């Protein structure tokens, strides 16, 4: 197979002319013909002024390029779409699949022999892995890394868990605007992704466990020299992969690797978003990600990683405590340690050479977990026939078994208009229901599932309620929140039939979410249901016509499977 800059020539009907033309442009860029003899490593940079979490991506790309050159190959840096949670309207999830297409098509089109995927917030690493698995080009992930924790009046702060805590206090009237702004200045003190176990850090830990990064790459702080050294080492390894022609992404991703990722997701009490991303990543390799198996795995996996929002510490502490390989060592009996990685070593080989030190407060021993088991549970029942997720480790225990009347919001706009209305007929016993916020309904399944506590209740000291939706929730969020209800309301799922006052029963221990309305009444309601209007043009039209449901990863139906 032709490799390097002689590969993937533009089609003019004359390959010799195509190479002649390419050589000309290379000379215009300052390269000699010697470049045609070298392995080529693409360096996918997600640097963007609209992505402050990736402020270091350009510097990391330079360090990767240095490592590539030192190993005898040539680096070529190129951009793709870059997605940031707070800078993407209406939600970055809507564009994850577009970024995955961008990655896949660039890997197919460009003359590269391997690629380094630089990503972090929040949908970028999932999109990169989806695209790389479909293109099946040798690929290695380099997360940008997490921020350092902030400090304010004697307390350490972390985006975005403390953002949410402080905002809730402000809404409840227990924190004034001046106090909020003083803390706000310290919430995001450096470049990098959220420094708690949010989606970015969760996906970095999963990428390392799946085998797509060098050891330690998930947790080294964004602004540390170690992150820069990891970038250089990642470039050197990518050069070796380019010369060897592998390993390929589909050599790394397997059912065993996905089971390992499920264990790590549970023990870190990671983001529920990871369930959607894992299903999409697996689907690109033609593997079904079984949510019920994920639930079974979780029943035997304690939460050992003591990080916010379920715990007390931050990513920098996790890294200093031993990082992801130290967690593998704790849970060695629950992992397939023969699973390969892009480093050329198995998980077990990495674990065997990893430093022995582990901070037992940050990475708890098995006999002293921060939560006994099952950080995330999968619910079924007549309200969620294809499943829903609840993060038990950050829920209020007494609310995980609850029966109460529904208070329904038909859309994000309806929620915004009514949630703080003083006349809203709501009590702490209500189950707040948001619908038409799923992959089709929103569209894009935004992180709106952690509905705000109504101001009238927050002012009385209510801090949590049962909240149910077909939306997602940030990995930095917390509360008794049922998410990813599937099928969604806009696809005709049972959530579309709920009415104010209907009794909903949540029994998380029994893994049930049920609407206590008889089948005949539900059938009558279904006869009067109409699907909401859908976008008429552009990417949004493509999205709603082809996106799958949450349990299948919200990928496009025409992109799943091996080609």
Protein backbone atom coordinates (compact mmCIF):
# COMPACT_ATOMS: atom_id res chain seq x y z
CA UNK A 1 0.00 0.00 0.00
CA UNK A 2 1.30 3.46 -0.92
CA UNK A 3 2.18 5.49 2.18
CA UNK A 4 3.29 8.99 3.08
CA UNK A 5 2.87 11.97 0.79
CA UNK A 6 2.59 9.70 -2.26
CA UNK A 7 -0.72 8.34 -0.96
CA UNK A 8 -4.27 9.56 -1.52
CA UNK A 9 -3.46 11.65 -4.57
CA UNK A 10 -6.08 14.05 -5.86
CA UNK A 11 -7.85 12.53 -8.86
CA UNK A 12 -7.07 14.27 -12.13
CA UNK A 13 -7.05 11.15 -14.25
CA UNK A 14 -3.25 11.23 -14.24
CA UNK A 15 -1.54 10.06 -11.05
CA UNK A 16 1.94 11.18 -12.17
CA UNK A 17 0.63 14.68 -12.77
CA UNK A 18 -1.15 14.61 -9.38
CA UNK A 19 2.14 13.75 -7.66
CA UNK A 20 4.00 16.37 -9.72
CA UNK A 21 1.46 18.98 -8.61
CA UNK A 22 1.66 17.92 -4.95
CA UNK A 23 5.46 18.08 -5.04
CA UNK A 24 5.19 21.61 -6.36
CA UNK A 25 3.00 22.78 -3.52
CA UNK A 26 5.25 21.02 -1.00
CA UNK A 27 8.23 22.90 -2.40
CA UNK A 28 6.20 26.10 -2.13
CA UNK A 29 5.77 25.29 1.57
CA UNK A 30 9.52 24.83 1.95
CA UNK A 31 9.80 21.02 1.77
CA UNK A 32 12.32 19.09 -0.31
CA UNK A 33 11.56 15.89 -2.17
CA UNK A 34 12.95 14.01 0.84
CA UNK A 35 9.54 14.62 2.44
CA UNK A 36 8.08 12.09 0.00
CA UNK A 37 10.12 9.32 1.66
CA UNK A 38 8.99 9.98 5.24
CA UNK A 39 6.07 8.54 7.20
CA UNK A 40 3.46 11.24 7.76
CA UNK A 41 1.70 11.87 11.07
CA UNK A 42 -1.35 14.10 11.00
CA UNK A 43 -1.82 16.22 14.12
CA UNK A 44 -5.50 17.03 14.50
CA UNK A 45 -5.72 20.29 16.42
CA UNK A 46 -8.95 21.52 17.98
CA UNK A 47 -7.45 24.90 18.85
CA UNK A 48 -10.10 27.61 18.58
CA UNK A 49 -10.68 31.01 20.15
CA UNK A 50 -14.23 29.75 20.76
CA UNK A 51 -12.88 26.87 22.84
CA UNK A 52 -11.06 28.29 25.87
CA UNK A 53 -10.70 24.80 27.35
CA UNK A 54 -8.38 24.08 24.40
CA UNK A 55 -6.26 27.21 24.80
CA UNK A 56 -3.17 24.99 25.09
CA UNK A 57 -4.00 22.88 22.01
CA UNK A 58 -1.69 24.86 19.73
CA UNK A 59 1.25 24.43 22.09
CA UNK A 60 0.46 20.74 22.46
CA UNK A 61 0.43 20.37 18.67
CA UNK A 62 3.92 21.90 18.55
CA UNK A 63 5.14 19.42 21.17
CA UNK A 64 3.54 16.52 19.31
CA UNK A 65 5.24 17.70 16.12
CA UNK A 66 8.58 17.80 17.91
CA UNK A 67 8.12 14.19 19.05
CA UNK A 68 7.15 13.12 15.52
CA UNK A 69 10.28 14.69 14.02
CA UNK A 70 12.54 13.24 16.71
CA UNK A 71 11.21 9.79 15.77
CA UNK A 72 11.98 10.28 12.07
CA UNK A 73 8.56 11.10 10.64
CA UNK A 74 6.99 14.33 9.40
CA UNK A 75 4.11 16.04 11.22
CA UNK A 76 1.32 17.91 9.45
CA UNK A 77 -1.03 19.88 11.70
CA UNK A 78 -4.61 20.30 10.48
CA UNK A 79 -7.86 21.60 12.01
CA UNK A 80 -11.35 20.22 12.42
CA UNK A 81 -14.48 21.55 14.04
CA UNK A 82 -13.91 22.35 17.71
CA UNK A 83 -16.81 22.06 20.15
CA UNK A 84 -17.08 23.82 23.51
CA UNK A 85 -20.04 23.36 25.82
CA UNK A 86 -20.57 27.03 26.64
CA UNK A 87 -19.84 28.42 23.17
CA UNK A 88 -22.01 26.21 20.96
CA UNK A 89 -25.67 27.01 20.28
CA UNK A 90 -27.99 25.29 20.94
CA UNK A 91 -25.84 22.44 22.30
CA UNK A 92 -22.51 20.90 21.36
CA UNK A 93 -24.16 17.47 21.19
CA UNK A 94 -26.04 18.55 18.06
CA UNK A 95 -22.67 18.96 16.32
CA UNK A 96 -20.82 15.93 17.72
CA UNK A 97 -21.81 13.84 14.71
CA UNK A 98 -20.80 16.62 12.33
CA UNK A 99 -17.36 16.73 13.96
CA UNK A 100 -17.14 12.93 13.74
CA UNK A 101 -17.88 13.16 10.01
CA UNK A 102 -15.27 15.92 9.69
CA UNK A 103 -12.66 13.73 11.42
CA UNK A 104 -13.52 10.60 9.42
CA UNK A 105 -13.47 12.33 6.07
CA UNK A 106 -10.22 14.20 6.75
CA UNK A 107 -8.54 10.95 7.82
CA UNK A 108 -9.71 9.34 4.59
CA UNK A 109 -8.75 12.30 2.43
CA UNK A 110 -5.36 13.45 3.74
CA UNK A 111 -2.08 11.66 2.96
CA UNK A 112 -1.28 10.57 6.50
CA UNK A 113 -0.10 7.26 7.95
CA UNK A 114 -1.16 7.90 11.56
CA UNK A 115 -2.90 10.66 13.44
CA UNK A 116 -2.74 12.29 16.86
CA UNK A 117 -6.20 13.40 18.02
CA UNK A 118 -6.02 16.43 20.34
CA UNK A 119 -9.31 16.94 22.16
CA UNK A 120 -10.97 17.51 25.50
CA UNK A 121 -14.19 19.50 25.89
CA UNK A 122 -16.67 17.78 25.83
CA UNK A 123 -17.81 16.09 22.68
CA UNK A 124 -14.43 16.38 20.94
CA UNK A 125 -12.83 13.12 22.14
CA UNK A 126 -15.98 11.08 21.42
CA UNK A 127 -16.24 12.64 17.94
CA UNK A 128 -12.55 11.98 17.25
CA UNK A 129 -12.81 8.35 18.31
CA UNK A 130 -15.98 7.83 16.27
CA UNK A 131 -14.32 9.24 13.17
CA UNK A 132 -11.03 7.41 13.69
CA UNK A 133 -12.74 4.05 14.21
CA UNK A 134 -14.73 4.49 11.01
CA UNK A 135 -11.66 5.58 9.01
CA UNK A 136 -9.56 2.90 10.76
CA UNK A 137 -6.31 4.83 10.47
CA UNK A 138 -3.68 4.36 13.24
CA UNK A 139 -4.77 6.90 15.84
CA UNK A 140 -3.70 8.01 19.31
CA UNK A 141 -5.59 10.45 21.54
CA UNK A 142 -3.99 13.34 23.41
CA UNK A 143 -6.42 15.00 25.84
CA UNK A 144 -5.73 18.69 26.47
CA UNK A 145 -5.98 18.01 30.22
CA UNK A 146 -7.95 19.56 33.05
CA UNK A 147 -7.63 22.96 34.71
CA UNK A 148 -6.11 23.41 38.11
CA UNK A 149 -8.58 23.97 40.95
CA UNK A 150 -9.38 27.51 42.03
CA UNK A 151 -9.31 28.85 45.57
CA UNK A 152 -11.73 31.23 47.22
CA UNK A 153 -11.95 32.21 50.88
CA UNK A 154 -10.28 29.06 52.11
CA UNK A 155 -12.15 26.67 49.82
CA UNK A 156 -11.08 24.97 46.61
CA UNK A 157 -13.44 25.49 43.69
CA UNK A 158 -13.99 23.51 40.53
CA UNK A 159 -15.80 24.17 37.28
CA UNK A 160 -18.48 23.34 36.72
CA UNK A 161 -19.75 21.53 39.83
CA UNK A 162 -19.18 24.56 42.03
CA UNK A 163 -20.62 26.77 39.27
CA UNK A 164 -23.88 24.88 39.70
CA UNK A 165 -23.73 24.84 43.50
CA UNK A 166 -23.09 28.58 43.71
CA UNK A 167 -25.72 29.38 41.10
CA UNK A 168 -28.30 27.30 42.98
CA UNK A 169 -27.46 29.21 46.18
CA UNK A 170 -27.83 32.50 44.33
CA UNK A 171 -31.22 31.46 42.93
CA UNK A 172 -32.32 30.41 46.40
CA UNK A 173 -31.32 33.78 47.82
CA UNK A 174 -28.67 32.43 50.19
CA UNK A 175 -25.78 33.98 48.21
CA UNK A 176 -25.79 37.57 46.99
CA UNK A 177 -24.49 38.85 43.67
CA UNK A 178 -21.25 40.31 45.03
CA UNK A 179 -20.33 37.04 46.75
CA UNK A 180 -21.20 35.11 43.59
CA UNK A 181 -18.96 37.32 41.45
CA UNK A 182 -16.01 37.05 43.84
CA UNK A 183 -16.20 33.26 43.68
CA UNK A 184 -16.81 33.40 39.93
CA UNK A 185 -13.35 34.89 39.38
CA UNK A 186 -11.79 31.70 40.80
CA UNK A 187 -13.97 29.03 39.24
CA UNK A 188 -11.85 28.61 36.09
CA UNK A 189 -8.36 29.82 36.98
CA UNK A 190 -6.36 28.19 34.14
CA UNK A 191 -6.76 26.77 30.66
CA UNK A 192 -8.06 23.23 30.42
CA UNK A 193 -11.25 21.25 30.78
CA UNK A 194 -13.37 21.08 33.95
CA UNK A 195 -11.24 19.85 36.85
CA UNK A 196 -13.95 17.60 38.29
CA UNK A 197 -15.19 14.24 36.97
CA UNK A 198 -17.31 15.92 34.31
CA UNK A 199 -17.75 14.62 30.80
CA UNK A 200 -14.35 15.81 29.53
CA UNK A 201 -12.37 14.06 32.27
CA UNK A 202 -14.67 11.03 32.13
CA UNK A 203 -14.05 10.61 28.41
CA UNK A 204 -10.31 11.11 28.88
CA UNK A 205 -10.27 8.33 31.52
CA UNK A 206 -12.35 6.14 29.23
CA UNK A 207 -10.04 6.83 26.27
CA UNK A 208 -7.05 5.78 28.40
CA UNK A 209 -8.85 2.63 29.57
CA UNK A 210 -10.01 1.75 26.06
CA UNK A 211 -6.34 1.89 25.11
CA UNK A 212 -6.24 5.02 22.95
CA UNK A 213 -3.80 7.17 24.96
CA UNK A 214 -0.40 6.85 26.52
CA UNK A 215 -0.49 6.01 30.26
CA UNK A 216 -1.24 9.04 32.44
CA UNK A 217 -2.57 11.13 29.57
CA UNK A 218 -6.10 11.32 30.99
CA UNK A 219 -5.18 13.16 34.18
CA UNK A 220 -1.99 15.24 33.83
CA UNK A 221 -3.03 18.91 34.32
CA UNK A 222 -3.43 21.03 31.20
CA UNK A 223 -0.84 23.60 32.25
CA UNK A 224 1.78 21.16 33.58
CA UNK A 225 5.12 20.39 31.98
CA UNK A 226 4.11 16.74 32.21
CA UNK A 227 1.28 17.41 29.76
CA UNK A 228 3.81 18.89 27.34
CA UNK A 229 6.14 15.92 27.75
CA UNK A 230 3.21 13.56 27.16
CA UNK A 231 2.50 15.44 23.94
CA UNK A 232 6.08 14.88 22.73
CA UNK A 233 5.93 11.19 23.69
CA UNK A 234 2.55 10.87 21.94
CA UNK A 235 4.08 12.29 18.75
CA UNK A 236 6.99 9.84 18.94
CA UNK A 237 4.62 6.91 19.42
CA UNK A 238 2.45 8.10 16.53
CA UNK A 239 5.55 8.10 14.30
CA UNK A 240 6.21 4.49 15.26
CA UNK A 241 2.59 3.60 14.50
CA UNK A 242 2.87 5.33 11.12
CA UNK A 243 5.92 3.24 10.21
CA UNK A 244 4.40 -0.02 11.47
CA UNK A 245 0.94 0.59 10.04
CA UNK A 246 -0.75 0.00 13.37
CA UNK A 247 -2.25 -0.84 15.69
CA UNK A 248 -5.50 0.22 14.06
CA UNK A 249 -8.43 1.60 16.06
CA UNK A 250 -10.49 -1.55 15.42
CA UNK A 251 -7.58 -3.62 16.77
CA UNK A 252 -7.87 -1.67 20.04
CA UNK A 253 -11.64 -1.37 20.42
CA UNK A 254 -13.25 -4.66 21.45
CA UNK A 255 -16.02 -5.93 23.69
CA UNK A 256 -13.40 -6.51 26.39
CA UNK A 257 -12.17 -2.92 26.09
CA UNK A 258 -15.75 -1.64 26.33
CA UNK A 259 -16.37 -3.72 29.45
CA UNK A 260 -13.20 -2.25 30.95
CA UNK A 261 -14.50 1.22 30.13
CA UNK A 262 -17.79 0.40 31.86
CA UNK A 263 -15.90 -0.56 35.02
CA UNK A 264 -13.96 2.72 34.97
CA UNK A 265 -17.10 4.75 34.31
CA UNK A 266 -18.75 3.19 37.37
CA UNK A 267 -15.77 3.43 39.74
CA UNK A 268 -15.10 7.08 38.86
CA UNK A 269 -18.80 7.97 39.13
CA UNK A 270 -18.27 9.50 35.72
CA UNK A 271 -20.60 11.46 33.52
CA UNK A 272 -23.81 9.86 32.31
CA UNK A 273 -22.98 11.41 28.94
CA UNK A 274 -20.39 8.67 28.57
CA UNK A 275 -23.17 6.11 28.09
CA UNK A 276 -24.29 7.85 24.91
CA UNK A 277 -20.73 8.30 23.68
CA UNK A 278 -19.71 4.70 24.40
CA UNK A 279 -22.74 3.43 22.48
CA UNK A 280 -21.78 5.61 19.51
CA UNK A 281 -18.08 4.65 19.65
CA UNK A 282 -18.95 0.95 19.86
CA UNK A 283 -21.49 1.30 17.07
CA UNK A 284 -18.81 2.61 14.70
CA UNK A 285 -17.02 -0.73 15.12
CA UNK A 286 -20.24 -2.69 14.65
CA UNK A 287 -20.50 -3.56 18.35
CA UNK A 288 -23.73 -3.08 20.31
CA UNK A 289 -23.15 -1.40 23.67
CA UNK A 290 -25.44 -3.22 26.11
CA UNK A 291 -26.83 -0.85 28.76
CA UNK A 292 -28.20 -3.73 30.82
CA UNK A 293 -24.75 -5.31 30.89
CA UNK A 294 -23.39 -1.93 32.01
CA UNK A 295 -25.90 -2.00 34.85
CA UNK A 296 -24.91 -5.56 35.83
CA UNK A 297 -21.23 -4.61 35.82
CA UNK A 298 -21.93 -1.64 38.05
CA UNK A 299 -23.59 -3.69 40.76
CA UNK A 300 -20.20 -5.18 41.58
CA UNK A 301 -18.06 -2.06 41.16
CA UNK A 302 -17.62 0.35 44.09
CA UNK A 303 -16.97 4.06 43.57
CA UNK A 304 -13.33 4.45 44.54
CA UNK A 305 -12.36 7.74 42.92
CA UNK A 306 -13.15 10.53 45.36
CA UNK A 307 -13.70 13.41 42.95
CA UNK A 308 -16.42 16.02 42.66
CA UNK A 309 -19.34 15.95 42.01
CA UNK A 310 -19.76 12.64 43.86
CA UNK A 311 -16.70 13.12 46.07
CA UNK A 312 -14.40 15.85 47.34
CA UNK A 313 -11.24 16.18 45.20
CA UNK A 314 -10.09 17.32 41.75
CA UNK A 315 -8.35 15.89 38.68
CA UNK A 316 -4.95 17.25 39.72
CA UNK A 317 -5.34 15.28 42.97
CA UNK A 318 -6.37 12.17 41.02
CA UNK A 319 -3.25 12.44 38.89
CA UNK A 320 -0.98 12.89 41.90
CA UNK A 321 -2.73 9.95 43.60
CA UNK A 322 -1.71 7.55 40.83
CA UNK A 323 -4.13 8.27 38.00
CA UNK A 324 -6.08 5.78 35.91
CA UNK A 325 -3.54 2.90 36.09
CA UNK A 326 -3.71 3.05 39.90
CA UNK A 327 -7.47 2.49 39.62
CA UNK A 328 -6.86 -0.46 37.31
CA UNK A 329 -4.65 -1.95 40.00
CA UNK A 330 -7.41 -1.57 42.60
CA UNK A 331 -9.93 -3.28 40.30
CA UNK A 332 -7.65 -5.76 38.56
CA UNK A 333 -10.04 -8.64 39.24
CA UNK A 334 -12.81 -6.87 37.33
CA UNK A 335 -10.78 -5.91 34.26
CA UNK A 336 -9.50 -7.74 31.21
CA UNK A 337 -5.83 -6.87 31.62
CA UNK A 338 -4.90 -8.49 28.30
CA UNK A 339 -6.61 -5.68 26.38
CA UNK A 340 -4.10 -3.95 24.07
CA UNK A 341 -3.31 -0.23 23.95
CA UNK A 342 -1.76 2.12 21.41
CA UNK A 343 1.42 2.13 23.49
CA UNK A 344 2.08 -1.46 22.39
CA UNK A 345 1.53 -2.70 25.94
CA UNK A 346 -1.52 -4.36 27.45
CA UNK A 347 -3.36 -2.81 30.37
CA UNK A 348 -1.77 -5.40 32.62
CA UNK A 349 1.76 -4.59 31.43
CA UNK A 350 1.22 -0.88 32.04
CA UNK A 351 -0.24 -1.58 35.46
CA UNK A 352 2.70 -3.83 36.39
CA UNK A 353 5.27 -1.10 35.75
CA UNK A 354 3.21 1.79 37.13
CA UNK A 355 4.50 3.42 40.35
CA UNK A 356 3.18 1.66 43.44
CA UNK A 357 2.16 4.82 45.30
CA UNK A 358 -1.57 5.47 45.58
CA UNK A 359 -3.23 8.13 47.74
CA UNK A 360 -5.84 6.11 49.62
CA UNK A 361 -8.02 9.15 50.26
CA UNK A 362 -8.34 10.14 46.62
CA UNK A 363 -8.38 6.59 45.21
CA UNK A 364 -10.05 4.67 47.98
CA UNK A 365 -9.21 1.02 48.81
CA UNK A 366 -11.87 -1.57 48.13
CA UNK A 367 -12.87 -1.81 51.78
CA UNK A 368 -13.48 1.96 52.06
CA UNK A 369 -15.30 3.18 48.94
CA UNK A 370 -17.02 6.54 48.77
CA UNK A 371 -20.11 4.76 47.44
CA UNK A 372 -20.63 0.99 47.79
CA UNK A 373 -21.59 0.17 44.19
CA UNK A 374 -23.51 1.23 41.11
CA UNK A 375 -22.64 4.88 40.54
CA UNK A 376 -24.92 4.88 37.50
CA UNK A 377 -27.97 2.68 37.12
CA UNK A 378 -30.10 1.88 34.09
CA UNK A 379 -33.85 2.03 34.59
CA UNK A 380 -36.59 0.44 32.53
CA UNK A 381 -40.36 0.46 32.96
CA UNK A 382 -43.39 1.66 31.06
CA UNK A 383 -42.05 5.24 31.03
CA UNK A 384 -38.64 4.19 29.64
CA UNK A 385 -39.07 0.98 27.61
CA UNK A 386 -35.60 1.27 26.06
CA UNK A 387 -33.92 2.56 29.16
CA UNK A 388 -33.05 5.66 31.16
CA UNK A 389 -30.07 6.55 33.34
CA UNK A 390 -29.75 7.82 36.89
CA UNK A 391 -26.54 8.74 38.67
CA UNK A 392 -27.12 7.20 42.08
CA UNK A 393 -23.79 8.37 43.50
CA UNK A 394 -24.85 12.01 43.26
CA UNK A 395 -28.57 11.57 43.98
CA UNK A 396 -30.44 12.09 47.25
CA UNK A 397 -30.82 8.61 48.73
CA UNK A 398 -34.38 9.04 50.00
CA UNK A 399 -35.56 10.30 46.60
CA UNK A 400 -34.28 7.29 44.67
CA UNK A 401 -37.46 5.53 45.80
CA UNK A 402 -40.23 8.04 45.27
CA UNK A 403 -43.82 8.28 44.13
CA UNK A 404 -45.29 11.64 43.28
CA UNK A 405 -47.39 13.65 40.83
CA UNK A 406 -45.94 14.85 37.54
CA UNK A 407 -45.47 18.50 36.68
CA UNK A 408 -44.83 18.57 32.95
CA UNK A 409 -42.85 21.05 30.85
CA UNK A 410 -43.39 20.54 27.13
CA UNK A 411 -40.17 22.13 25.94
CA UNK A 412 -37.10 24.07 26.99
CA UNK A 413 -38.99 27.26 26.24
CA UNK A 414 -41.89 26.17 28.44
CA UNK A 415 -39.46 25.35 31.24
CA UNK A 416 -37.76 28.74 31.02
CA UNK A 417 -41.10 30.56 30.97
CA UNK A 418 -42.72 28.83 33.97
CA UNK A 419 -40.16 27.30 36.34
CA UNK A 420 -39.85 30.44 38.48
CA UNK A 421 -43.45 31.59 38.22
CA UNK A 422 -44.57 32.20 41.84
CA UNK A 423 -47.96 30.70 40.97
CA UNK A 424 -46.47 27.44 39.69
CA UNK A 425 -48.45 24.65 41.43
CA UNK A 426 -45.43 22.69 42.69
CA UNK A 427 -44.48 20.91 45.90
CA UNK A 428 -41.28 19.07 46.88
CA UNK A 429 -43.14 15.79 46.20
CA UNK A 430 -43.66 16.58 42.53
CA UNK A 431 -41.68 14.87 39.80
CA UNK A 432 -40.56 17.58 37.38
CA UNK A 433 -40.84 16.26 33.81
CA UNK A 434 -39.17 17.86 30.79
CA UNK A 435 -39.97 16.43 27.37
CA UNK A 436 -39.21 17.21 23.74
CA UNK A 437 -35.60 17.81 24.78
CA UNK A 438 -34.17 14.60 23.30
CA UNK A 439 -32.04 14.05 20.20
CA UNK A 440 -34.95 14.75 17.83
CA UNK A 441 -37.09 16.97 20.02
CA UNK A 442 -34.64 19.73 20.96
CA UNK A 443 -32.91 18.84 18.60
CA UNK A 444 -29.55 17.64 19.88
CA UNK A 445 -30.41 16.41 23.38
CA UNK A 446 -29.04 19.38 25.39
CA UNK A 447 -27.72 19.25 28.95
CA UNK A 448 -31.04 20.45 30.34
CA UNK A 449 -31.98 17.36 32.36
CA UNK A 450 -30.93 18.80 35.72
CA UNK A 451 -33.95 21.09 35.82
CA UNK A 452 -33.54 24.01 38.22
CA UNK A 453 -35.37 23.80 41.52
CA UNK A 454 -38.28 26.25 41.31
CA UNK A 455 -37.34 29.48 43.09
CA UNK A 456 -40.34 29.30 45.40
CA UNK A 457 -39.09 25.93 46.71
CA UNK A 458 -35.40 26.85 46.70
CA UNK A 459 -36.20 29.82 48.94
CA UNK A 460 -37.73 27.35 51.42
CA UNK A 461 -34.59 25.21 51.53
CA UNK A 462 -35.49 22.55 48.95
CA UNK A 463 -32.26 21.48 47.26
CA UNK A 464 -33.32 18.38 45.30
CA UNK A 465 -36.36 16.91 43.60
CA UNK A 466 -37.00 14.00 41.25
CA UNK A 467 -36.45 15.30 37.73
CA UNK A 468 -37.14 13.23 34.61
CA UNK A 469 -36.38 14.03 30.97
CA UNK A 470 -35.29 12.80 27.56
CA UNK A 471 -32.40 15.28 27.78
CA UNK A 472 -28.86 14.86 29.12
CA UNK A 473 -27.12 16.26 32.18
CA UNK A 474 -23.64 17.69 32.52
CA UNK A 475 -21.18 15.34 34.17
CA UNK A 476 -20.51 18.16 36.61
CA UNK A 477 -24.14 18.22 37.76
CA UNK A 478 -25.79 16.40 40.65
CA UNK A 479 -29.19 15.53 42.07
CA UNK A 480 -31.92 12.91 41.67
CA UNK A 481 -32.14 13.24 37.92
CA UNK A 482 -33.44 10.60 35.50
CA UNK A 483 -32.01 11.12 32.02
CA UNK A 484 -31.96 9.78 28.46
CA UNK A 485 -35.53 8.46 28.69
CA UNK A 486 -35.88 6.36 25.54
CA UNK A 487 -37.73 6.46 23.25
CA UNK A 488 -37.92 10.22 23.58
CA UNK A 489 -41.20 12.15 23.51
CA UNK A 490 -40.63 13.56 20.01
CA UNK A 491 -40.26 10.01 18.68
CA UNK A 492 -43.58 9.01 20.25
CA UNK A 493 -42.17 7.55 23.45
CA UNK A 494 -44.37 7.25 26.56
CA UNK A 495 -42.93 10.50 27.94
CA UNK A 496 -45.11 12.26 25.34
CA UNK A 497 -48.24 10.95 27.08
CA UNK A 498 -47.57 12.16 30.63
CA UNK A 499 -49.98 14.77 31.99
CA UNK A 500 -49.84 17.02 35.03
CA UNK A 501 -50.92 15.12 38.11
CA UNK A 502 -50.15 11.64 36.76
CA UNK A 503 -48.40 9.58 39.40
CA UNK A 504 -44.84 8.56 38.57
CA UNK A 505 -43.05 5.87 40.54
CA UNK A 506 -39.26 5.84 40.67
CA UNK A 507 -37.70 2.77 42.24
CA UNK A 508 -34.02 2.96 41.41
CA UNK A 509 -33.13 -0.12 43.47
CA UNK A 510 -35.59 -2.16 41.43
CA UNK A 511 -34.40 -0.32 38.29
CA UNK A 512 -37.92 0.84 37.46
CA UNK A 513 -39.48 4.05 36.18
CA UNK A 514 -43.23 3.74 35.77
CA UNK A 515 -46.18 5.93 34.93
CA UNK A 516 -49.13 4.81 37.07
CA UNK A 517 -51.77 5.23 34.38
CA UNK A 518 -53.70 2.30 32.91
CA UNK A 519 -52.94 1.08 29.42
CA UNK A 520 -56.36 1.97 28.04
CA UNK A 521 -55.96 5.62 29.04
CA UNK A 522 -52.48 5.74 27.57
CA UNK A 523 -53.79 4.28 24.33
CA UNK A 524 -56.52 6.93 24.24
CA UNK A 525 -53.93 9.67 24.74
CA UNK A 526 -51.73 8.24 22.03
CA UNK A 527 -54.55 8.60 19.55
CA UNK A 528 -54.48 12.36 20.09
CA UNK A 529 -50.71 12.79 20.02
CA UNK A 530 -49.04 14.65 17.19
CA UNK A 531 -45.31 14.72 16.53
CA UNK A 532 -43.77 18.18 16.95
CA UNK A 533 -42.64 20.12 13.90
CA UNK A 534 -39.16 19.28 12.64
CA UNK A 535 -36.48 21.42 10.97
CA UNK A 536 -37.02 21.91 7.25
CA UNK A 537 -33.49 22.38 5.96
CA UNK A 538 -29.76 22.05 6.48
CA UNK A 539 -27.83 20.02 8.99
CA UNK A 540 -30.66 20.12 11.54
CA UNK A 541 -32.96 18.41 9.03
CA UNK A 542 -30.34 15.74 8.33
CA UNK A 543 -29.84 15.31 12.06
CA UNK A 544 -33.46 14.72 13.08
CA UNK A 545 -34.11 12.42 10.13
CA UNK A 546 -31.17 10.12 10.87
CA UNK A 547 -30.18 10.42 14.55
CA UNK A 548 -30.67 7.30 16.65
CA UNK A 549 -32.04 7.28 20.20
CA UNK A 550 -29.92 7.69 23.33
CA UNK A 551 -29.59 3.96 23.98
CA UNK A 552 -27.99 3.60 20.53
CA UNK A 553 -25.62 6.53 20.95
CA UNK A 554 -27.43 9.35 19.10
CA UNK A 555 -25.22 8.65 16.10
CA UNK A 556 -26.50 8.82 12.53
CA UNK A 557 -28.08 5.57 11.43
CA UNK A 558 -26.03 5.58 8.19
CA UNK A 559 -22.69 5.78 10.05
CA UNK A 560 -22.97 2.79 12.37
CA UNK A 561 -21.12 -0.41 11.56
CA UNK A 562 -17.90 -1.32 9.80
CA UNK A 563 -17.35 -0.26 6.19
